[in-house]
Amino acid sequence: MTERRKLFPTAEELRIWRDFIETTEALRSELASRLHSESSLSPGDYAVLLALCEAEGRRLRPSELAARIGWQRSRLSHQLGRMERRGLIRREECVTDSRGAEVVLTPEGAEAFRGASLPHLRAVRELFTDPLTPDQLAAAEQIAATLRARLEALGRV
């Protein structure tokens, strides 16, 4: 039994894990639903627009954009195609490297992001920060940092 405990989570650890995953998924689903109903943006749209809004010149190489939002290049390529058709972004030849391209935030994309941000941030406050005490928020930050550090050590983040 001792060897088994070293290899596998206990029943209590599995219960906590499932609760964590199920709650996280429920939060993500509710935030996505609200974001879409209030702005017609998907979480993917919002992630791309946020990264571009924060980037110098509101433009990024696709590889850098993928790294910033933690996506594979193929997933990003499909997302960018959908967003480009809707006028939220455009792709331009890279000024510093004519072999490459840059993803550029359009005025329409910036406006869509601005319109989505306030309702989205209100939902984050309502669903995540308001229910937690300051100590619980600090604990959540520590847990996230510890888990991220483990994933970084494995080369996954």
N, C-alpha and C. Protein backbone atom coordinates (compact mmCIF):
# COMPACT_ATOMS: atom_id res chain seq x y z
N MET A 1 0.82 -1.20 0.00
CA MET A 1 0.00 0.00 0.00
C MET A 1 0.87 1.26 0.00
N THR A 2 2.00 1.23 0.67
CA THR A 2 2.87 2.39 0.73
C THR A 2 3.38 2.75 -0.65
N GLU A 3 3.79 1.74 -1.44
CA GLU A 3 4.25 1.98 -2.81
C GLU A 3 3.14 2.61 -3.66
N ARG A 4 1.92 2.12 -3.50
CA ARG A 4 0.78 2.65 -4.26
C ARG A 4 0.56 4.11 -3.94
N ARG A 5 0.69 4.50 -2.66
CA ARG A 5 0.49 5.90 -2.26
C ARG A 5 1.56 6.80 -2.88
N LYS A 6 2.73 6.27 -3.10
CA LYS A 6 3.79 7.07 -3.71
C LYS A 6 3.51 7.29 -5.20
N LEU A 7 2.82 6.33 -5.82
CA LEU A 7 2.57 6.40 -7.26
C LEU A 7 1.28 7.12 -7.63
N PHE A 8 0.27 7.00 -6.77
CA PHE A 8 -1.05 7.50 -7.12
C PHE A 8 -1.59 8.43 -6.04
N PRO A 9 -2.43 9.39 -6.45
CA PRO A 9 -3.08 10.24 -5.44
C PRO A 9 -4.01 9.42 -4.55
N THR A 10 -4.18 9.89 -3.34
CA THR A 10 -5.13 9.26 -2.43
C THR A 10 -6.55 9.61 -2.87
N ALA A 11 -7.52 8.93 -2.28
CA ALA A 11 -8.92 9.23 -2.60
C ALA A 11 -9.25 10.68 -2.28
N GLU A 12 -8.75 11.18 -1.17
CA GLU A 12 -8.98 12.58 -0.78
C GLU A 12 -8.32 13.54 -1.77
N GLU A 13 -7.09 13.24 -2.19
CA GLU A 13 -6.39 14.08 -3.16
C GLU A 13 -7.13 14.08 -4.51
N LEU A 14 -7.64 12.93 -4.89
CA LEU A 14 -8.41 12.86 -6.14
C LEU A 14 -9.71 13.64 -6.04
N ARG A 15 -10.36 13.59 -4.88
CA ARG A 15 -11.59 14.37 -4.69
C ARG A 15 -11.30 15.85 -4.83
N ILE A 16 -10.21 16.32 -4.23
CA ILE A 16 -9.82 17.74 -4.30
C ILE A 16 -9.47 18.10 -5.75
N TRP A 17 -8.73 17.23 -6.41
CA TRP A 17 -8.37 17.46 -7.81
C TRP A 17 -9.60 17.60 -8.69
N ARG A 18 -10.54 16.69 -8.56
CA ARG A 18 -11.76 16.75 -9.37
C ARG A 18 -12.55 18.02 -9.07
N ASP A 19 -12.66 18.37 -7.81
CA ASP A 19 -13.38 19.59 -7.44
C ASP A 19 -12.71 20.82 -8.06
N PHE A 20 -11.38 20.84 -8.01
CA PHE A 20 -10.62 21.95 -8.60
C PHE A 20 -10.86 22.04 -10.10
N ILE A 21 -10.75 20.92 -10.80
CA ILE A 21 -10.92 20.90 -12.26
C ILE A 21 -12.35 21.24 -12.65
N GLU A 22 -13.32 20.64 -11.97
CA GLU A 22 -14.72 20.90 -12.31
C GLU A 22 -15.11 22.35 -12.04
N THR A 23 -14.62 22.91 -10.95
CA THR A 23 -14.92 24.31 -10.64
C THR A 23 -14.25 25.24 -11.64
N THR A 24 -13.00 24.95 -11.97
CA THR A 24 -12.28 25.76 -12.96
C THR A 24 -13.01 25.74 -14.30
N GLU A 25 -13.44 24.56 -14.73
CA GLU A 25 -14.16 24.45 -16.00
C GLU A 25 -15.50 25.18 -15.95
N ALA A 26 -16.20 25.10 -14.84
CA ALA A 26 -17.47 25.81 -14.70
C ALA A 26 -17.25 27.32 -14.76
N LEU A 27 -16.20 27.80 -14.11
CA LEU A 27 -15.88 29.24 -14.16
C LEU A 27 -15.55 29.66 -15.59
N ARG A 28 -14.70 28.90 -16.26
CA ARG A 28 -14.33 29.22 -17.64
C ARG A 28 -15.55 29.23 -18.55
N SER A 29 -16.42 28.25 -18.36
CA SER A 29 -17.63 28.16 -19.19
C SER A 29 -18.54 29.36 -18.96
N GLU A 30 -18.75 29.73 -17.72
CA GLU A 30 -19.61 30.88 -17.41
C GLU A 30 -19.00 32.17 -17.94
N LEU A 31 -17.71 32.35 -17.76
CA LEU A 31 -17.04 33.55 -18.28
C LEU A 31 -17.13 33.60 -19.80
N ALA A 32 -16.93 32.47 -20.46
CA ALA A 32 -17.02 32.42 -21.92
C ALA A 32 -18.43 32.74 -22.40
N SER A 33 -19.42 32.19 -21.72
CA SER A 33 -20.81 32.43 -22.09
C SER A 33 -21.15 33.91 -21.96
N ARG A 34 -20.74 34.50 -20.85
CA ARG A 34 -21.03 35.93 -20.65
C ARG A 34 -20.27 36.79 -21.65
N LEU A 35 -19.02 36.47 -21.89
CA LEU A 35 -18.22 37.24 -22.84
C LEU A 35 -18.89 37.21 -24.21
N HIS A 36 -19.30 36.04 -24.65
CA HIS A 36 -19.91 35.93 -25.97
C HIS A 36 -21.25 36.65 -26.03
N SER A 37 -22.07 36.51 -25.00
CA SER A 37 -23.40 37.14 -25.04
C SER A 37 -23.30 38.66 -24.95
N GLU A 38 -22.30 39.17 -24.27
CA GLU A 38 -22.17 40.62 -24.09
C GLU A 38 -21.35 41.30 -25.18
N SER A 39 -20.53 40.53 -25.90
CA SER A 39 -19.64 41.18 -26.86
C SER A 39 -19.50 40.44 -28.19
N SER A 40 -20.03 39.24 -28.30
CA SER A 40 -19.86 38.38 -29.48
C SER A 40 -18.41 37.95 -29.69
N LEU A 41 -17.58 38.10 -28.67
CA LEU A 41 -16.20 37.61 -28.74
C LEU A 41 -16.10 36.28 -28.03
N SER A 42 -15.26 35.42 -28.56
CA SER A 42 -14.95 34.16 -27.88
C SER A 42 -13.77 34.40 -26.94
N PRO A 43 -13.53 33.49 -26.01
CA PRO A 43 -12.33 33.63 -25.17
C PRO A 43 -11.05 33.68 -26.01
N GLY A 44 -11.03 32.94 -27.12
CA GLY A 44 -9.87 32.99 -28.01
C GLY A 44 -9.69 34.36 -28.63
N ASP A 45 -10.80 34.95 -29.10
CA ASP A 45 -10.75 36.32 -29.64
C ASP A 45 -10.17 37.27 -28.59
N TYR A 46 -10.71 37.16 -27.38
CA TYR A 46 -10.31 38.07 -26.30
C TYR A 46 -8.83 37.91 -25.97
N ALA A 47 -8.34 36.67 -25.93
CA ALA A 47 -6.93 36.43 -25.62
C ALA A 47 -6.02 37.06 -26.68
N VAL A 48 -6.37 36.90 -27.95
CA VAL A 48 -5.58 37.48 -29.03
C VAL A 48 -5.63 39.00 -28.97
N LEU A 49 -6.83 39.56 -28.80
CA LEU A 49 -6.96 41.02 -28.75
C LEU A 49 -6.21 41.60 -27.55
N LEU A 50 -6.28 40.94 -26.40
CA LEU A 50 -5.56 41.41 -25.22
C LEU A 50 -4.05 41.43 -25.48
N ALA A 51 -3.52 40.36 -26.03
CA ALA A 51 -2.09 40.30 -26.32
C ALA A 51 -1.67 41.40 -27.29
N LEU A 52 -2.49 41.65 -28.31
CA LEU A 52 -2.16 42.69 -29.29
C LEU A 52 -2.28 44.09 -28.66
N CYS A 53 -3.28 44.30 -27.80
CA CYS A 53 -3.43 45.59 -27.13
C CYS A 53 -2.22 45.89 -26.25
N GLU A 54 -1.65 44.87 -25.66
CA GLU A 54 -0.51 45.04 -24.76
C GLU A 54 0.83 45.12 -25.50
N ALA A 55 0.85 44.73 -26.77
CA ALA A 55 2.09 44.68 -27.54
C ALA A 55 2.49 46.07 -28.04
N GLU A 56 3.77 46.27 -28.14
CA GLU A 56 4.28 47.53 -28.70
C GLU A 56 3.81 47.67 -30.14
N GLY A 57 3.22 48.80 -30.45
CA GLY A 57 2.71 49.04 -31.79
C GLY A 57 1.47 48.22 -32.14
N ARG A 58 0.93 47.52 -31.13
CA ARG A 58 -0.26 46.69 -31.32
C ARG A 58 -0.09 45.69 -32.46
N ARG A 59 1.12 45.10 -32.50
CA ARG A 59 1.44 44.12 -33.53
C ARG A 59 2.43 43.12 -32.96
N LEU A 60 2.30 41.87 -33.42
CA LEU A 60 3.19 40.80 -32.99
C LEU A 60 3.41 39.81 -34.12
N ARG A 61 4.57 39.18 -34.13
CA ARG A 61 4.80 38.05 -35.02
C ARG A 61 3.92 36.90 -34.53
N PRO A 62 3.40 36.08 -35.43
CA PRO A 62 2.54 34.97 -35.00
C PRO A 62 3.19 34.06 -33.96
N SER A 63 4.48 33.78 -34.10
CA SER A 63 5.15 32.91 -33.13
C SER A 63 5.17 33.54 -31.74
N GLU A 64 5.40 34.84 -31.67
CA GLU A 64 5.41 35.53 -30.38
C GLU A 64 3.99 35.59 -29.80
N LEU A 65 3.01 35.83 -30.64
CA LEU A 65 1.62 35.86 -30.19
C LEU A 65 1.22 34.49 -29.64
N ALA A 66 1.57 33.43 -30.33
CA ALA A 66 1.26 32.07 -29.87
C ALA A 66 1.91 31.81 -28.51
N ALA A 67 3.15 32.23 -28.35
CA ALA A 67 3.85 32.03 -27.07
C ALA A 67 3.19 32.82 -25.95
N ARG A 68 2.78 34.05 -26.23
CA ARG A 68 2.16 34.89 -25.20
C ARG A 68 0.85 34.32 -24.69
N ILE A 69 0.08 33.70 -25.58
CA ILE A 69 -1.22 33.18 -25.13
C ILE A 69 -1.19 31.67 -24.88
N GLY A 70 -0.02 31.06 -25.09
CA GLY A 70 0.13 29.64 -24.77
C GLY A 70 -0.56 28.69 -25.72
N TRP A 71 -0.58 29.03 -26.99
CA TRP A 71 -1.24 28.20 -27.99
C TRP A 71 -0.22 27.62 -28.97
N GLN A 72 -0.63 26.54 -29.62
CA GLN A 72 0.14 25.99 -30.73
C GLN A 72 -0.09 26.89 -31.95
N ARG A 73 0.90 26.95 -32.84
CA ARG A 73 0.79 27.81 -34.03
C ARG A 73 -0.40 27.43 -34.90
N SER A 74 -0.72 26.14 -35.03
CA SER A 74 -1.83 25.74 -35.90
C SER A 74 -3.16 26.24 -35.35
N ARG A 75 -3.35 26.17 -34.04
CA ARG A 75 -4.58 26.67 -33.44
C ARG A 75 -4.68 28.18 -33.66
N LEU A 76 -3.57 28.88 -33.46
CA LEU A 76 -3.56 30.33 -33.65
C LEU A 76 -3.88 30.68 -35.10
N SER A 77 -3.33 29.95 -36.04
CA SER A 77 -3.56 30.25 -37.45
C SER A 77 -5.04 30.20 -37.79
N HIS A 78 -5.74 29.18 -37.31
CA HIS A 78 -7.19 29.08 -37.56
C HIS A 78 -7.94 30.24 -36.89
N GLN A 79 -7.55 30.57 -35.66
CA GLN A 79 -8.19 31.67 -34.93
C GLN A 79 -7.98 32.98 -35.67
N LEU A 80 -6.77 33.22 -36.13
CA LEU A 80 -6.47 34.47 -36.83
C LEU A 80 -7.26 34.59 -38.13
N GLY A 81 -7.44 33.48 -38.82
CA GLY A 81 -8.25 33.49 -40.05
C GLY A 81 -9.68 33.94 -39.77
N ARG A 82 -10.26 33.40 -38.71
CA ARG A 82 -11.64 33.80 -38.35
C ARG A 82 -11.68 35.28 -37.96
N MET A 83 -10.69 35.71 -37.20
CA MET A 83 -10.69 37.11 -36.73
C MET A 83 -10.42 38.08 -37.88
N GLU A 84 -9.59 37.66 -38.81
CA GLU A 84 -9.30 38.51 -39.98
C GLU A 84 -10.55 38.69 -40.83
N ARG A 85 -11.32 37.62 -41.02
CA ARG A 85 -12.55 37.72 -41.80
C ARG A 85 -13.55 38.67 -41.13
N ARG A 86 -13.49 38.79 -39.82
CA ARG A 86 -14.40 39.68 -39.08
C ARG A 86 -13.83 41.09 -38.93
N GLY A 87 -12.62 41.33 -39.44
CA GLY A 87 -12.02 42.66 -39.41
C GLY A 87 -11.40 43.04 -38.07
N LEU A 88 -11.18 42.06 -37.17
CA LEU A 88 -10.61 42.37 -35.87
C LEU A 88 -9.09 42.51 -35.91
N ILE A 89 -8.47 41.79 -36.82
CA ILE A 89 -7.01 41.86 -37.00
C ILE A 89 -6.72 41.84 -38.49
N ARG A 90 -5.49 42.14 -38.84
CA ARG A 90 -5.02 41.94 -40.22
C ARG A 90 -3.59 41.43 -40.14
N ARG A 91 -3.18 40.78 -41.19
CA ARG A 91 -1.79 40.29 -41.26
C ARG A 91 -1.06 41.16 -42.27
N GLU A 92 0.12 41.60 -41.86
CA GLU A 92 0.94 42.45 -42.72
C GLU A 92 2.34 41.86 -42.81
N GLU A 93 3.03 42.22 -43.89
CA GLU A 93 4.42 41.82 -44.03
C GLU A 93 5.22 42.48 -42.91
N CYS A 94 6.13 41.72 -42.34
CA CYS A 94 6.97 42.23 -41.25
C CYS A 94 7.93 43.28 -41.79
N VAL A 95 8.00 44.41 -41.11
CA VAL A 95 8.85 45.51 -41.54
C VAL A 95 10.33 45.13 -41.46
N THR A 96 10.70 44.36 -40.43
CA THR A 96 12.10 44.02 -40.21
C THR A 96 12.54 42.74 -40.89
N ASP A 97 11.59 41.93 -41.38
CA ASP A 97 11.91 40.65 -42.02
C ASP A 97 10.86 40.36 -43.08
N SER A 98 11.19 40.61 -44.34
CA SER A 98 10.19 40.49 -45.41
C SER A 98 9.71 39.06 -45.61
N ARG A 99 10.38 38.07 -45.00
CA ARG A 99 9.93 36.68 -45.12
C ARG A 99 8.81 36.39 -44.14
N GLY A 100 8.64 37.23 -43.13
CA GLY A 100 7.67 36.96 -42.08
C GLY A 100 6.48 37.90 -42.14
N ALA A 101 5.52 37.61 -41.27
CA ALA A 101 4.32 38.44 -41.19
C ALA A 101 4.13 38.88 -39.74
N GLU A 102 3.31 39.88 -39.58
CA GLU A 102 2.91 40.34 -38.26
C GLU A 102 1.40 40.38 -38.20
N VAL A 103 0.88 40.12 -37.01
CA VAL A 103 -0.55 40.24 -36.76
C VAL A 103 -0.75 41.63 -36.17
N VAL A 104 -1.67 42.38 -36.76
CA VAL A 104 -1.88 43.77 -36.38
C VAL A 104 -3.32 43.96 -35.91
N LEU A 105 -3.48 44.64 -34.80
CA LEU A 105 -4.81 44.97 -34.28
C LEU A 105 -5.42 46.06 -35.15
N THR A 106 -6.65 45.86 -35.61
CA THR A 106 -7.34 46.88 -36.39
C THR A 106 -8.11 47.80 -35.44
N PRO A 107 -8.52 48.97 -35.92
CA PRO A 107 -9.38 49.82 -35.08
C PRO A 107 -10.65 49.10 -34.63
N GLU A 108 -11.21 48.28 -35.52
CA GLU A 108 -12.41 47.52 -35.16
C GLU A 108 -12.11 46.51 -34.05
N GLY A 109 -10.93 45.90 -34.11
CA GLY A 109 -10.52 44.96 -33.07
C GLY A 109 -10.31 45.65 -31.73
N ALA A 110 -9.69 46.84 -31.79
CA ALA A 110 -9.47 47.61 -30.56
C ALA A 110 -10.80 48.02 -29.94
N GLU A 111 -11.74 48.41 -30.77
CA GLU A 111 -13.07 48.80 -30.28
C GLU A 111 -13.81 47.60 -29.69
N ALA A 112 -13.73 46.46 -30.35
CA ALA A 112 -14.38 45.25 -29.83
C ALA A 112 -13.77 44.87 -28.48
N PHE A 113 -12.46 44.98 -28.36
CA PHE A 113 -11.79 44.66 -27.09
C PHE A 113 -12.23 45.62 -25.99
N ARG A 114 -12.25 46.91 -26.30
CA ARG A 114 -12.70 47.91 -25.30
C ARG A 114 -14.12 47.62 -24.85
N GLY A 115 -14.99 47.32 -25.80
CA GLY A 115 -16.39 47.04 -25.47
C GLY A 115 -16.58 45.78 -24.64
N ALA A 116 -15.70 44.81 -24.81
CA ALA A 116 -15.81 43.55 -24.08
C ALA A 116 -15.16 43.61 -22.71
N SER A 117 -14.19 44.47 -22.53
CA SER A 117 -13.36 44.44 -21.31
C SER A 117 -14.13 44.76 -20.03
N LEU A 118 -14.93 45.81 -20.02
CA LEU A 118 -15.63 46.16 -18.78
C LEU A 118 -16.60 45.07 -18.33
N PRO A 119 -17.47 44.56 -19.20
CA PRO A 119 -18.35 43.47 -18.75
C PRO A 119 -17.56 42.23 -18.33
N HIS A 120 -16.48 41.93 -19.05
CA HIS A 120 -15.68 40.76 -18.72
C HIS A 120 -15.01 40.93 -17.34
N LEU A 121 -14.45 42.09 -17.10
CA LEU A 121 -13.80 42.32 -15.81
C LEU A 121 -14.81 42.33 -14.67
N ARG A 122 -16.01 42.83 -14.92
CA ARG A 122 -17.06 42.75 -13.89
C ARG A 122 -17.41 41.30 -13.58
N ALA A 123 -17.47 40.47 -14.61
CA ALA A 123 -17.77 39.04 -14.41
C ALA A 123 -16.64 38.35 -13.64
N VAL A 124 -15.40 38.69 -13.93
CA VAL A 124 -14.27 38.13 -13.18
C VAL A 124 -14.38 38.51 -11.71
N ARG A 125 -14.72 39.77 -11.46
CA ARG A 125 -14.88 40.20 -10.07
C ARG A 125 -16.02 39.43 -9.40
N GLU A 126 -17.17 39.35 -10.06
CA GLU A 126 -18.33 38.69 -9.48
C GLU A 126 -18.09 37.20 -9.20
N LEU A 127 -17.48 36.52 -10.18
CA LEU A 127 -17.36 35.07 -10.09
C LEU A 127 -16.09 34.58 -9.40
N PHE A 128 -15.05 35.40 -9.38
CA PHE A 128 -13.77 34.93 -8.84
C PHE A 128 -13.31 35.72 -7.62
N THR A 129 -13.16 37.02 -7.76
CA THR A 129 -12.55 37.77 -6.65
C THR A 129 -13.51 38.05 -5.51
N ASP A 130 -14.76 38.41 -5.81
CA ASP A 130 -15.71 38.72 -4.73
C ASP A 130 -15.98 37.57 -3.77
N PRO A 131 -16.13 36.33 -4.25
CA PRO A 131 -16.43 35.25 -3.31
C PRO A 131 -15.26 34.88 -2.38
N LEU A 132 -14.05 35.31 -2.72
CA LEU A 132 -12.87 34.92 -1.96
C LEU A 132 -12.43 36.03 -1.00
N THR A 133 -11.92 35.61 0.15
CA THR A 133 -11.33 36.55 1.10
C THR A 133 -9.94 36.94 0.59
N PRO A 134 -9.36 38.02 1.12
CA PRO A 134 -7.98 38.36 0.72
C PRO A 134 -7.00 37.20 0.97
N ASP A 135 -7.17 36.48 2.07
CA ASP A 135 -6.28 35.34 2.34
C ASP A 135 -6.48 34.23 1.31
N GLN A 136 -7.72 34.00 0.91
CA GLN A 136 -7.98 32.98 -0.11
C GLN A 136 -7.41 33.39 -1.46
N LEU A 137 -7.51 34.67 -1.80
CA LEU A 137 -6.91 35.15 -3.05
C LEU A 137 -5.40 34.97 -3.02
N ALA A 138 -4.77 35.28 -1.89
CA ALA A 138 -3.32 35.10 -1.75
C ALA A 138 -2.96 33.61 -1.89
N ALA A 139 -3.78 32.74 -1.29
CA ALA A 139 -3.52 31.30 -1.40
C ALA A 139 -3.69 30.84 -2.85
N ALA A 140 -4.70 31.35 -3.55
CA ALA A 140 -4.90 31.00 -4.96
C ALA A 140 -3.70 31.44 -5.79
N GLU A 141 -3.16 32.61 -5.49
CA GLU A 141 -1.97 33.09 -6.19
C GLU A 141 -0.78 32.17 -5.94
N GLN A 142 -0.60 31.75 -4.70
CA GLN A 142 0.51 30.85 -4.37
C GLN A 142 0.34 29.49 -5.04
N ILE A 143 -0.86 28.98 -5.06
CA ILE A 143 -1.12 27.69 -5.71
C ILE A 143 -0.83 27.79 -7.20
N ALA A 144 -1.33 28.84 -7.83
CA ALA A 144 -1.09 29.02 -9.27
C ALA A 144 0.40 29.13 -9.56
N ALA A 145 1.13 29.88 -8.75
CA ALA A 145 2.57 30.06 -8.95
C ALA A 145 3.31 28.73 -8.80
N THR A 146 2.93 27.95 -7.80
CA THR A 146 3.58 26.66 -7.57
C THR A 146 3.33 25.71 -8.73
N LEU A 147 2.08 25.64 -9.19
CA LEU A 147 1.75 24.76 -10.32
C LEU A 147 2.44 25.23 -11.60
N ARG A 148 2.46 26.54 -11.83
CA ARG A 148 3.13 27.07 -13.03
C ARG A 148 4.62 26.76 -12.98
N ALA A 149 5.24 26.90 -11.82
CA ALA A 149 6.67 26.60 -11.69
C ALA A 149 6.95 25.14 -12.03
N ARG A 150 6.07 24.23 -11.58
CA ARG A 150 6.26 22.81 -11.91
C ARG A 150 6.17 22.60 -13.41
N LEU A 151 5.19 23.22 -14.05
CA LEU A 151 5.02 23.08 -15.49
C LEU A 151 6.20 23.70 -16.24
N GLU A 152 6.69 24.83 -15.76
CA GLU A 152 7.86 25.45 -16.39
C GLU A 152 9.09 24.55 -16.27
N ALA A 153 9.23 23.93 -15.12
CA ALA A 153 10.37 23.01 -14.92
C ALA A 153 10.29 21.83 -15.90
N LEU A 154 9.08 21.44 -16.26
CA LEU A 154 8.89 20.36 -17.23
C LEU A 154 8.93 20.86 -18.68
N GLY A 155 9.09 22.19 -18.85
CA GLY A 155 9.13 22.78 -20.19
C GLY A 155 7.78 22.86 -20.85
N ARG A 156 6.71 22.94 -20.07
CA ARG A 156 5.35 22.94 -20.61
C ARG A 156 4.72 24.31 -20.69
N VAL A 157 5.33 25.30 -20.08
CA VAL A 157 4.75 26.65 -20.10
C VAL A 157 5.77 27.62 -20.66
